[in-house]
N, C-alpha and C. Protein backbone atom coordinates (compact mmCIF):
# COMPACT_ATOMS: atom_id res chain seq x y z
N MET A 1 6.29 16.29 3.70
CA MET A 1 5.94 15.37 4.77
C MET A 1 7.15 14.61 5.28
N SER A 2 8.26 14.55 4.56
CA SER A 2 9.36 13.64 4.88
C SER A 2 10.19 14.04 6.10
N GLU A 3 10.01 15.19 6.67
CA GLU A 3 10.82 15.61 7.81
C GLU A 3 10.05 15.59 9.13
N LEU A 4 8.96 14.85 9.18
CA LEU A 4 8.16 14.80 10.40
C LEU A 4 8.77 13.82 11.39
N PRO A 5 8.92 14.22 12.65
CA PRO A 5 9.49 13.30 13.63
C PRO A 5 8.56 12.13 13.97
N ALA A 6 7.25 12.36 13.92
CA ALA A 6 6.31 11.32 14.31
C ALA A 6 5.10 11.32 13.38
N ILE A 7 4.55 10.12 13.17
CA ILE A 7 3.30 9.98 12.43
C ILE A 7 2.40 9.00 13.18
N ALA A 8 1.11 9.07 12.90
CA ALA A 8 0.16 8.10 13.42
C ALA A 8 -0.90 7.88 12.35
N LEU A 9 -1.35 6.65 12.24
CA LEU A 9 -2.39 6.28 11.29
C LEU A 9 -3.43 5.47 12.04
N ILE A 10 -4.68 5.87 11.91
CA ILE A 10 -5.78 5.11 12.50
C ILE A 10 -6.74 4.73 11.39
N GLU A 11 -7.12 3.48 11.40
CA GLU A 11 -8.01 2.91 10.38
C GLU A 11 -9.32 2.52 11.06
N PHE A 12 -10.40 3.09 10.56
CA PHE A 12 -11.72 2.88 11.14
C PHE A 12 -12.59 2.02 10.23
N SER A 13 -13.41 1.19 10.82
CA SER A 13 -14.33 0.36 10.05
C SER A 13 -15.59 1.13 9.67
N SER A 14 -15.74 2.34 10.20
CA SER A 14 -16.91 3.18 9.95
C SER A 14 -16.46 4.56 9.49
N ILE A 15 -17.07 5.05 8.42
CA ILE A 15 -16.77 6.38 7.91
C ILE A 15 -17.24 7.44 8.90
N ALA A 16 -18.42 7.25 9.47
CA ALA A 16 -18.95 8.20 10.44
C ALA A 16 -18.06 8.30 11.68
N ALA A 17 -17.67 7.15 12.21
CA ALA A 17 -16.79 7.14 13.39
C ALA A 17 -15.44 7.74 13.07
N GLY A 18 -14.91 7.45 11.89
CA GLY A 18 -13.62 7.99 11.49
C GLY A 18 -13.65 9.50 11.34
N THR A 19 -14.72 10.02 10.79
CA THR A 19 -14.86 11.46 10.64
C THR A 19 -14.92 12.14 12.00
N PHE A 20 -15.71 11.56 12.91
CA PHE A 20 -15.82 12.10 14.27
C PHE A 20 -14.47 12.08 14.97
N ALA A 21 -13.76 10.97 14.84
CA ALA A 21 -12.45 10.83 15.49
C ALA A 21 -11.42 11.78 14.88
N ALA A 22 -11.45 11.95 13.56
CA ALA A 22 -10.51 12.87 12.91
C ALA A 22 -10.66 14.28 13.46
N ASP A 23 -11.90 14.70 13.66
CA ASP A 23 -12.15 16.03 14.22
C ASP A 23 -11.59 16.13 15.64
N ALA A 24 -11.81 15.09 16.44
CA ALA A 24 -11.29 15.07 17.81
C ALA A 24 -9.76 15.13 17.80
N MET A 25 -9.15 14.46 16.85
CA MET A 25 -7.68 14.40 16.78
C MET A 25 -7.07 15.77 16.49
N VAL A 26 -7.61 16.47 15.52
CA VAL A 26 -7.02 17.76 15.16
C VAL A 26 -7.35 18.84 16.18
N LYS A 27 -8.41 18.64 16.96
CA LYS A 27 -8.74 19.59 18.02
C LYS A 27 -7.92 19.35 19.29
N GLU A 28 -7.42 18.12 19.45
CA GLU A 28 -6.69 17.75 20.67
C GLU A 28 -5.29 18.35 20.75
N ALA A 29 -4.60 18.41 19.61
CA ALA A 29 -3.21 18.87 19.62
C ALA A 29 -2.85 19.47 18.27
N SER A 30 -1.75 20.20 18.27
CA SER A 30 -1.27 20.85 17.06
C SER A 30 -0.51 19.84 16.20
N VAL A 31 -1.23 19.20 15.27
CA VAL A 31 -0.66 18.21 14.36
C VAL A 31 -1.01 18.58 12.93
N GLN A 32 -0.27 18.02 12.01
CA GLN A 32 -0.60 18.17 10.59
C GLN A 32 -1.52 17.02 10.19
N LEU A 33 -2.63 17.35 9.59
CA LEU A 33 -3.53 16.34 9.04
C LEU A 33 -3.00 16.03 7.65
N LEU A 34 -2.25 14.94 7.52
CA LEU A 34 -1.55 14.63 6.28
C LEU A 34 -2.46 14.05 5.22
N ARG A 35 -3.30 13.14 5.63
CA ARG A 35 -4.29 12.53 4.74
C ARG A 35 -5.48 12.11 5.57
N VAL A 36 -6.65 12.18 4.96
CA VAL A 36 -7.86 11.73 5.62
C VAL A 36 -8.86 11.36 4.54
N GLY A 37 -9.58 10.26 4.72
CA GLY A 37 -10.59 9.91 3.75
C GLY A 37 -10.91 8.43 3.71
N THR A 38 -11.75 8.10 2.75
CA THR A 38 -12.24 6.73 2.63
C THR A 38 -11.31 5.88 1.77
N ILE A 39 -11.32 4.60 2.08
CA ILE A 39 -10.69 3.58 1.26
C ILE A 39 -11.67 2.42 1.17
N GLN A 40 -11.39 1.51 0.29
CA GLN A 40 -12.23 0.32 0.18
C GLN A 40 -11.98 -0.58 1.37
N PRO A 41 -12.85 -1.39 1.83
CA PRO A 41 -14.29 -1.43 1.55
C PRO A 41 -15.07 -0.65 2.60
N GLY A 42 -15.24 0.63 2.42
CA GLY A 42 -15.99 1.45 3.36
C GLY A 42 -15.25 1.75 4.64
N ARG A 43 -13.94 1.84 4.58
CA ARG A 43 -13.13 2.19 5.74
C ARG A 43 -12.75 3.66 5.66
N PHE A 44 -12.24 4.18 6.78
CA PHE A 44 -11.83 5.58 6.85
C PHE A 44 -10.46 5.63 7.50
N LEU A 45 -9.51 6.31 6.85
CA LEU A 45 -8.15 6.44 7.37
C LEU A 45 -7.87 7.88 7.77
N VAL A 46 -7.13 8.03 8.87
CA VAL A 46 -6.65 9.34 9.31
C VAL A 46 -5.15 9.22 9.55
N LEU A 47 -4.38 10.04 8.83
CA LEU A 47 -2.92 10.05 8.96
C LEU A 47 -2.50 11.44 9.42
N ILE A 48 -1.80 11.49 10.56
CA ILE A 48 -1.33 12.76 11.12
C ILE A 48 0.18 12.71 11.30
N GLY A 49 0.78 13.88 11.42
CA GLY A 49 2.21 13.96 11.67
C GLY A 49 2.56 15.21 12.44
N GLY A 50 3.74 15.24 13.01
CA GLY A 50 4.19 16.40 13.76
C GLY A 50 5.18 16.02 14.84
N MET A 51 5.24 16.86 15.85
CA MET A 51 6.12 16.60 16.98
C MET A 51 5.58 15.41 17.78
N VAL A 52 6.47 14.66 18.39
CA VAL A 52 6.11 13.39 19.03
C VAL A 52 5.00 13.55 20.06
N ALA A 53 5.14 14.47 20.99
CA ALA A 53 4.15 14.61 22.07
C ALA A 53 2.77 14.98 21.52
N GLU A 54 2.74 15.88 20.55
CA GLU A 54 1.46 16.30 19.98
C GLU A 54 0.80 15.17 19.20
N VAL A 55 1.60 14.44 18.42
CA VAL A 55 1.05 13.32 17.65
C VAL A 55 0.51 12.25 18.59
N GLU A 56 1.22 11.99 19.67
CA GLU A 56 0.75 10.98 20.63
C GLU A 56 -0.57 11.41 21.27
N LEU A 57 -0.68 12.67 21.67
CA LEU A 57 -1.94 13.16 22.25
C LEU A 57 -3.09 13.04 21.25
N SER A 58 -2.85 13.45 20.03
CA SER A 58 -3.86 13.41 18.99
C SER A 58 -4.27 11.97 18.67
N TYR A 59 -3.28 11.11 18.57
CA TYR A 59 -3.51 9.68 18.31
C TYR A 59 -4.40 9.06 19.39
N LYS A 60 -4.07 9.32 20.65
CA LYS A 60 -4.87 8.78 21.76
C LYS A 60 -6.29 9.33 21.74
N ALA A 61 -6.45 10.59 21.36
CA ALA A 61 -7.79 11.18 21.25
C ALA A 61 -8.58 10.48 20.15
N GLY A 62 -7.93 10.16 19.05
CA GLY A 62 -8.59 9.46 17.96
C GLY A 62 -9.03 8.06 18.34
N ILE A 63 -8.19 7.37 19.09
CA ILE A 63 -8.54 6.02 19.56
C ILE A 63 -9.75 6.10 20.49
N ARG A 64 -9.71 7.05 21.42
CA ARG A 64 -10.84 7.21 22.36
C ARG A 64 -12.13 7.53 21.61
N ALA A 65 -12.05 8.47 20.69
CA ALA A 65 -13.25 8.94 19.99
C ALA A 65 -13.79 7.90 19.00
N GLY A 66 -12.93 7.05 18.48
CA GLY A 66 -13.35 6.10 17.44
C GLY A 66 -13.65 4.69 17.90
N THR A 67 -13.34 4.37 19.14
CA THR A 67 -13.59 3.03 19.67
C THR A 67 -15.09 2.83 19.77
N PRO A 68 -15.65 1.73 19.37
CA PRO A 68 -15.04 0.45 19.00
C PRO A 68 -14.82 0.26 17.49
N GLN A 69 -14.91 1.30 16.72
CA GLN A 69 -14.76 1.15 15.27
C GLN A 69 -13.31 1.26 14.79
N VAL A 70 -12.34 1.26 15.70
CA VAL A 70 -10.93 1.27 15.30
C VAL A 70 -10.58 -0.14 14.83
N LEU A 71 -10.25 -0.23 13.56
CA LEU A 71 -9.92 -1.53 12.96
C LEU A 71 -8.45 -1.86 13.21
N ASP A 72 -7.58 -0.87 13.05
CA ASP A 72 -6.15 -1.04 13.28
C ASP A 72 -5.53 0.34 13.43
N ASP A 73 -4.35 0.41 14.01
CA ASP A 73 -3.72 1.71 14.25
C ASP A 73 -2.23 1.54 14.43
N ILE A 74 -1.51 2.64 14.26
CA ILE A 74 -0.06 2.65 14.48
C ILE A 74 0.37 4.06 14.86
N PHE A 75 1.19 4.15 15.89
CA PHE A 75 1.83 5.39 16.30
C PHE A 75 3.34 5.17 16.19
N LEU A 76 3.99 5.99 15.37
CA LEU A 76 5.43 5.87 15.16
C LEU A 76 6.11 7.15 15.64
N PRO A 77 6.67 7.14 16.85
CA PRO A 77 7.31 8.36 17.36
C PRO A 77 8.59 8.73 16.62
N ASP A 78 9.16 7.79 15.89
CA ASP A 78 10.38 8.06 15.12
C ASP A 78 10.27 7.32 13.79
N ALA A 79 9.35 7.75 12.97
CA ALA A 79 9.09 7.07 11.69
C ALA A 79 10.30 7.15 10.77
N HIS A 80 10.60 6.04 10.12
CA HIS A 80 11.71 6.02 9.15
C HIS A 80 11.38 6.94 7.98
N ARG A 81 12.34 7.74 7.57
CA ARG A 81 12.10 8.76 6.53
C ARG A 81 11.62 8.16 5.22
N ASP A 82 12.09 6.97 4.85
CA ASP A 82 11.65 6.35 3.60
C ASP A 82 10.19 5.92 3.67
N VAL A 83 9.75 5.51 4.84
CA VAL A 83 8.34 5.14 5.02
C VAL A 83 7.47 6.38 4.83
N VAL A 84 7.87 7.48 5.43
CA VAL A 84 7.10 8.73 5.31
C VAL A 84 7.07 9.19 3.85
N LYS A 85 8.21 9.13 3.16
CA LYS A 85 8.25 9.53 1.75
C LYS A 85 7.35 8.63 0.90
N SER A 86 7.36 7.35 1.17
CA SER A 86 6.56 6.41 0.39
C SER A 86 5.07 6.59 0.63
N ILE A 87 4.68 6.89 1.85
CA ILE A 87 3.25 7.14 2.13
C ILE A 87 2.78 8.31 1.29
N ASP A 88 3.66 9.24 1.06
CA ASP A 88 3.34 10.42 0.27
C ASP A 88 3.40 10.14 -1.24
N GLY A 89 3.58 8.89 -1.63
CA GLY A 89 3.54 8.51 -3.03
C GLY A 89 4.88 8.36 -3.70
N GLY A 90 5.96 8.52 -2.96
CA GLY A 90 7.28 8.41 -3.57
C GLY A 90 7.67 6.98 -3.89
N ARG A 91 8.31 6.78 -5.02
CA ARG A 91 8.87 5.48 -5.40
C ARG A 91 10.38 5.63 -5.23
N LEU A 92 10.97 4.78 -4.41
CA LEU A 92 12.31 5.06 -3.94
C LEU A 92 13.42 4.24 -4.57
N ALA A 93 13.17 3.02 -4.97
CA ALA A 93 14.25 2.18 -5.46
C ALA A 93 13.73 1.28 -6.58
N LYS A 94 14.64 0.77 -7.37
CA LYS A 94 14.28 -0.18 -8.41
C LYS A 94 14.78 -1.56 -7.98
N ALA A 95 14.07 -2.58 -8.42
CA ALA A 95 14.43 -3.95 -8.06
C ALA A 95 15.87 -4.25 -8.43
N SER A 96 16.52 -5.02 -7.58
CA SER A 96 17.91 -5.40 -7.82
C SER A 96 18.03 -6.91 -7.71
N ASP A 97 18.89 -7.40 -6.85
CA ASP A 97 19.14 -8.83 -6.71
C ASP A 97 17.87 -9.60 -6.32
N ALA A 98 17.14 -9.08 -5.35
CA ALA A 98 15.94 -9.76 -4.88
C ALA A 98 14.90 -8.74 -4.45
N MET A 99 13.64 -9.13 -4.54
CA MET A 99 12.54 -8.24 -4.16
C MET A 99 11.62 -8.97 -3.18
N LEU A 100 11.28 -8.29 -2.10
CA LEU A 100 10.36 -8.79 -1.09
C LEU A 100 9.06 -8.01 -1.20
N THR A 101 7.96 -8.70 -1.42
CA THR A 101 6.64 -8.07 -1.45
C THR A 101 5.89 -8.52 -0.20
N LEU A 102 5.40 -7.54 0.56
CA LEU A 102 4.66 -7.78 1.80
C LEU A 102 3.25 -7.24 1.63
N GLU A 103 2.27 -7.99 2.08
CA GLU A 103 0.87 -7.59 1.94
C GLU A 103 0.15 -7.86 3.27
N THR A 104 -0.61 -6.87 3.72
CA THR A 104 -1.38 -7.01 4.95
C THR A 104 -2.85 -6.67 4.70
N SER A 105 -3.70 -7.11 5.60
CA SER A 105 -5.13 -6.87 5.45
C SER A 105 -5.55 -5.48 5.87
N THR A 106 -4.63 -4.72 6.49
CA THR A 106 -4.93 -3.33 6.86
C THR A 106 -3.78 -2.42 6.46
N SER A 107 -4.12 -1.16 6.27
CA SER A 107 -3.10 -0.16 5.93
C SER A 107 -2.17 0.10 7.11
N SER A 108 -2.73 0.15 8.30
CA SER A 108 -1.91 0.41 9.49
C SER A 108 -0.86 -0.68 9.68
N ALA A 109 -1.23 -1.91 9.41
CA ALA A 109 -0.29 -3.03 9.60
C ALA A 109 0.89 -2.92 8.64
N ILE A 110 0.64 -2.51 7.41
CA ILE A 110 1.76 -2.43 6.46
C ILE A 110 2.70 -1.28 6.83
N VAL A 111 2.17 -0.21 7.40
CA VAL A 111 3.04 0.88 7.86
C VAL A 111 3.91 0.37 9.01
N ARG A 112 3.32 -0.39 9.93
CA ARG A 112 4.08 -0.98 11.05
C ARG A 112 5.21 -1.87 10.52
N VAL A 113 4.88 -2.73 9.58
CA VAL A 113 5.85 -3.67 9.01
C VAL A 113 6.94 -2.92 8.24
N ALA A 114 6.52 -1.98 7.39
CA ALA A 114 7.49 -1.24 6.57
C ALA A 114 8.48 -0.47 7.44
N ASP A 115 7.99 0.14 8.51
CA ASP A 115 8.87 0.88 9.40
C ASP A 115 9.86 -0.06 10.08
N ALA A 116 9.39 -1.20 10.54
CA ALA A 116 10.28 -2.16 11.21
C ALA A 116 11.35 -2.67 10.25
N VAL A 117 10.95 -2.99 9.03
CA VAL A 117 11.90 -3.50 8.04
C VAL A 117 12.90 -2.41 7.65
N ALA A 118 12.41 -1.20 7.41
CA ALA A 118 13.30 -0.09 7.01
C ALA A 118 14.33 0.21 8.10
N LYS A 119 13.92 0.12 9.35
CA LYS A 119 14.85 0.41 10.46
C LYS A 119 15.77 -0.75 10.79
N GLY A 120 15.32 -1.98 10.55
CA GLY A 120 16.05 -3.13 11.05
C GLY A 120 16.79 -3.96 10.03
N SER A 121 16.83 -3.52 8.77
CA SER A 121 17.48 -4.33 7.75
C SER A 121 18.28 -3.46 6.79
N LEU A 122 18.93 -4.11 5.86
CA LEU A 122 19.76 -3.41 4.87
C LEU A 122 19.07 -3.28 3.52
N VAL A 123 17.79 -3.63 3.44
CA VAL A 123 17.06 -3.52 2.18
C VAL A 123 16.58 -2.09 1.96
N SER A 124 16.20 -1.79 0.72
CA SER A 124 15.68 -0.46 0.36
C SER A 124 14.20 -0.56 0.05
N LEU A 125 13.45 0.40 0.55
CA LEU A 125 12.01 0.45 0.28
C LEU A 125 11.79 0.92 -1.14
N MET A 126 11.04 0.14 -1.89
CA MET A 126 10.73 0.47 -3.28
C MET A 126 9.39 1.18 -3.36
N GLU A 127 8.40 0.70 -2.61
CA GLU A 127 7.05 1.23 -2.72
C GLU A 127 6.24 0.85 -1.49
N LEU A 128 5.31 1.74 -1.13
CA LEU A 128 4.38 1.49 -0.04
C LEU A 128 3.03 2.04 -0.46
N ARG A 129 2.01 1.18 -0.45
CA ARG A 129 0.67 1.62 -0.83
C ARG A 129 -0.33 1.26 0.25
N LEU A 130 -1.26 2.20 0.47
CA LEU A 130 -2.25 2.05 1.53
C LEU A 130 -3.66 2.06 0.97
N GLY A 131 -4.36 0.97 1.10
CA GLY A 131 -5.80 0.91 0.90
C GLY A 131 -6.39 1.17 -0.46
N ASP A 132 -6.14 2.32 -1.05
CA ASP A 132 -6.80 2.70 -2.29
C ASP A 132 -6.49 1.71 -3.41
N GLY A 133 -7.56 1.22 -4.05
CA GLY A 133 -7.41 0.28 -5.15
C GLY A 133 -6.93 -1.09 -4.72
N LEU A 134 -6.92 -1.35 -3.43
CA LEU A 134 -6.41 -2.62 -2.91
C LEU A 134 -7.42 -3.33 -2.02
N GLY A 135 -8.67 -2.90 -2.05
CA GLY A 135 -9.67 -3.53 -1.20
C GLY A 135 -9.38 -3.34 0.27
N GLY A 136 -8.72 -2.23 0.61
CA GLY A 136 -8.40 -1.94 2.01
C GLY A 136 -7.07 -2.51 2.48
N LYS A 137 -6.43 -3.31 1.67
CA LYS A 137 -5.14 -3.90 2.04
C LYS A 137 -4.03 -2.87 1.94
N GLY A 138 -2.88 -3.23 2.43
CA GLY A 138 -1.67 -2.44 2.25
C GLY A 138 -0.58 -3.34 1.73
N PHE A 139 0.34 -2.77 0.95
CA PHE A 139 1.48 -3.58 0.56
C PHE A 139 2.73 -2.73 0.43
N ALA A 140 3.86 -3.41 0.56
CA ALA A 140 5.16 -2.76 0.44
C ALA A 140 6.09 -3.67 -0.32
N ARG A 141 7.02 -3.04 -1.04
CA ARG A 141 8.06 -3.79 -1.74
C ARG A 141 9.42 -3.27 -1.28
N PHE A 142 10.31 -4.20 -1.02
CA PHE A 142 11.69 -3.90 -0.64
C PHE A 142 12.63 -4.63 -1.58
N VAL A 143 13.78 -4.04 -1.83
CA VAL A 143 14.77 -4.67 -2.71
C VAL A 143 16.13 -4.68 -2.03
N GLY A 144 16.95 -5.65 -2.44
CA GLY A 144 18.30 -5.74 -1.91
C GLY A 144 18.90 -7.09 -2.23
N LEU A 145 19.99 -7.40 -1.57
CA LEU A 145 20.62 -8.70 -1.74
C LEU A 145 19.71 -9.78 -1.17
N ARG A 146 19.76 -10.97 -1.74
CA ARG A 146 18.88 -12.06 -1.31
C ARG A 146 18.97 -12.29 0.20
N SER A 147 20.16 -12.33 0.75
CA SER A 147 20.32 -12.59 2.18
C SER A 147 19.70 -11.47 3.02
N ASP A 148 19.81 -10.23 2.56
CA ASP A 148 19.20 -9.10 3.28
C ASP A 148 17.68 -9.12 3.17
N VAL A 149 17.17 -9.53 2.01
CA VAL A 149 15.73 -9.64 1.82
C VAL A 149 15.16 -10.74 2.72
N GLU A 150 15.87 -11.84 2.85
CA GLU A 150 15.42 -12.91 3.74
C GLU A 150 15.39 -12.44 5.19
N ALA A 151 16.40 -11.69 5.60
CA ALA A 151 16.42 -11.13 6.96
C ALA A 151 15.26 -10.15 7.14
N ALA A 152 14.97 -9.35 6.13
CA ALA A 152 13.86 -8.39 6.19
C ALA A 152 12.52 -9.12 6.32
N SER A 153 12.39 -10.26 5.66
CA SER A 153 11.18 -11.07 5.76
C SER A 153 10.92 -11.49 7.21
N GLN A 154 11.99 -11.90 7.89
CA GLN A 154 11.84 -12.30 9.30
C GLN A 154 11.44 -11.11 10.17
N ILE A 155 12.03 -9.96 9.91
CA ILE A 155 11.68 -8.74 10.66
C ILE A 155 10.20 -8.41 10.44
N ALA A 156 9.73 -8.55 9.21
CA ALA A 156 8.32 -8.28 8.90
C ALA A 156 7.40 -9.21 9.68
N ASN A 157 7.74 -10.48 9.70
CA ASN A 157 6.93 -11.45 10.44
C ASN A 157 6.93 -11.13 11.93
N ASP A 158 8.08 -10.78 12.47
CA ASP A 158 8.18 -10.45 13.89
C ASP A 158 7.37 -9.21 14.24
N ALA A 159 7.28 -8.26 13.33
CA ALA A 159 6.56 -7.01 13.59
C ALA A 159 5.06 -7.23 13.75
N LEU A 160 4.56 -8.35 13.26
CA LEU A 160 3.12 -8.61 13.33
C LEU A 160 2.73 -9.64 14.38
N VAL A 161 3.69 -10.11 15.16
CA VAL A 161 3.39 -11.07 16.21
C VAL A 161 2.37 -10.45 17.17
N GLY A 162 1.29 -11.17 17.41
CA GLY A 162 0.25 -10.70 18.33
C GLY A 162 -0.77 -9.76 17.70
N ARG A 163 -0.59 -9.42 16.43
CA ARG A 163 -1.53 -8.53 15.73
C ARG A 163 -2.54 -9.39 14.98
N ASP A 164 -3.79 -8.99 14.98
CA ASP A 164 -4.85 -9.74 14.32
C ASP A 164 -5.04 -9.22 12.89
N VAL A 165 -4.06 -9.53 12.02
CA VAL A 165 -4.12 -9.12 10.61
C VAL A 165 -3.67 -10.28 9.73
N GLN A 166 -4.19 -10.30 8.54
CA GLN A 166 -3.73 -11.28 7.56
C GLN A 166 -2.44 -10.76 6.93
N PHE A 167 -1.54 -11.68 6.62
CA PHE A 167 -0.23 -11.31 6.11
C PHE A 167 0.20 -12.31 5.05
N CYS A 168 0.73 -11.80 3.96
CA CYS A 168 1.25 -12.63 2.89
C CYS A 168 2.55 -12.00 2.39
N GLU A 169 3.48 -12.83 1.94
CA GLU A 169 4.76 -12.31 1.45
C GLU A 169 5.31 -13.21 0.36
N SER A 170 6.18 -12.62 -0.45
CA SER A 170 6.91 -13.40 -1.44
C SER A 170 8.29 -12.78 -1.64
N ILE A 171 9.24 -13.64 -1.99
CA ILE A 171 10.59 -13.20 -2.33
C ILE A 171 10.87 -13.66 -3.76
N VAL A 172 11.26 -12.72 -4.60
CA VAL A 172 11.61 -13.03 -5.98
C VAL A 172 13.10 -12.74 -6.15
N SER A 173 13.84 -13.76 -6.54
CA SER A 173 15.27 -13.58 -6.81
C SER A 173 15.49 -13.30 -8.28
N ARG A 174 16.47 -12.46 -8.56
CA ARG A 174 16.84 -12.14 -9.94
C ARG A 174 15.60 -11.85 -10.78
N ILE A 175 14.84 -10.86 -10.35
CA ILE A 175 13.59 -10.51 -11.02
C ILE A 175 13.85 -10.17 -12.50
N ASP A 176 12.93 -10.58 -13.34
CA ASP A 176 13.02 -10.28 -14.76
C ASP A 176 13.12 -8.77 -14.97
N GLU A 177 14.01 -8.34 -15.85
CA GLU A 177 14.26 -6.91 -16.05
C GLU A 177 13.02 -6.16 -16.54
N ALA A 178 12.25 -6.78 -17.45
CA ALA A 178 11.04 -6.11 -17.95
C ALA A 178 10.02 -5.91 -16.82
N LEU A 179 9.87 -6.91 -15.96
CA LEU A 179 8.96 -6.78 -14.83
C LEU A 179 9.47 -5.73 -13.85
N ALA A 180 10.76 -5.74 -13.58
CA ALA A 180 11.34 -4.74 -12.68
C ALA A 180 11.10 -3.33 -13.19
N ASP A 181 11.29 -3.13 -14.50
CA ASP A 181 11.06 -1.81 -15.10
C ASP A 181 9.61 -1.37 -14.96
N ARG A 182 8.67 -2.29 -15.22
CA ARG A 182 7.24 -1.96 -15.11
C ARG A 182 6.87 -1.61 -13.67
N LEU A 183 7.34 -2.41 -12.73
CA LEU A 183 7.02 -2.15 -11.32
C LEU A 183 7.66 -0.86 -10.83
N ALA A 184 8.81 -0.49 -11.40
CA ALA A 184 9.45 0.77 -11.03
C ALA A 184 8.62 1.96 -11.50
N GLU A 185 7.89 1.79 -12.60
CA GLU A 185 7.01 2.85 -13.11
C GLU A 185 5.72 2.93 -12.30
N SER A 186 5.06 1.77 -12.13
CA SER A 186 3.78 1.73 -11.42
C SER A 186 3.41 0.29 -11.12
N SER A 187 2.82 0.07 -9.95
CA SER A 187 2.31 -1.25 -9.61
C SER A 187 0.81 -1.35 -9.90
N ARG A 188 0.21 -0.28 -10.38
CA ARG A 188 -1.21 -0.29 -10.72
C ARG A 188 -1.40 -0.86 -12.11
N PHE A 189 -2.44 -1.67 -12.27
CA PHE A 189 -2.69 -2.29 -13.56
C PHE A 189 -2.94 -1.25 -14.64
N ASP A 190 -3.58 -0.14 -14.28
CA ASP A 190 -3.86 0.91 -15.28
C ASP A 190 -2.62 1.76 -15.58
N GLY A 191 -1.52 1.52 -14.87
CA GLY A 191 -0.28 2.23 -15.12
C GLY A 191 -0.16 3.59 -14.47
N SER A 192 -1.21 4.04 -13.79
CA SER A 192 -1.15 5.36 -13.16
C SER A 192 -0.22 5.32 -11.95
N SER A 193 0.29 6.49 -11.60
CA SER A 193 1.20 6.55 -10.46
C SER A 193 0.47 6.71 -9.14
N LYS A 194 -0.77 7.18 -9.17
CA LYS A 194 -1.56 7.30 -7.94
C LYS A 194 -2.99 6.91 -8.20
């Protein structure tokens, strides 16, 4: 999945509407259906990737077919490679000088934020999780020098201006080594990687 020029994610408040829209999306254009399915609390996510024009056509078809049950959405014509790798479950970096944790009320919003931060700052993406086991929320962790993490925090806030989503963040300086090691393995309480 990491070499896709474009991705789009649509989050539906209805499983039925999301299923209908997913079908419309894959019929509209030649795209890869990267992930599709339910997340808590009864939402439906559709993630597609491919060439920019095809992904845009498919994305627009999904919005049309799923309205008014579209909860949130994102179309990234030039998705940052680390964001794409992380969506696919990759853990990319270990905590260093400082760690920024970002949390949003939707999966689409955290992809928007993570892409903006990855493109606009000097921090490294550590992890990106969407919906599953999070009550429908999304979160991302970035690591780097304290000054770079602070700049990334501002970029994250700017990326959500005008968006109707809940947002929470924290910056931890000089994270405890034992905690850093555990988070590098898994952020899930049960210790699983997915």
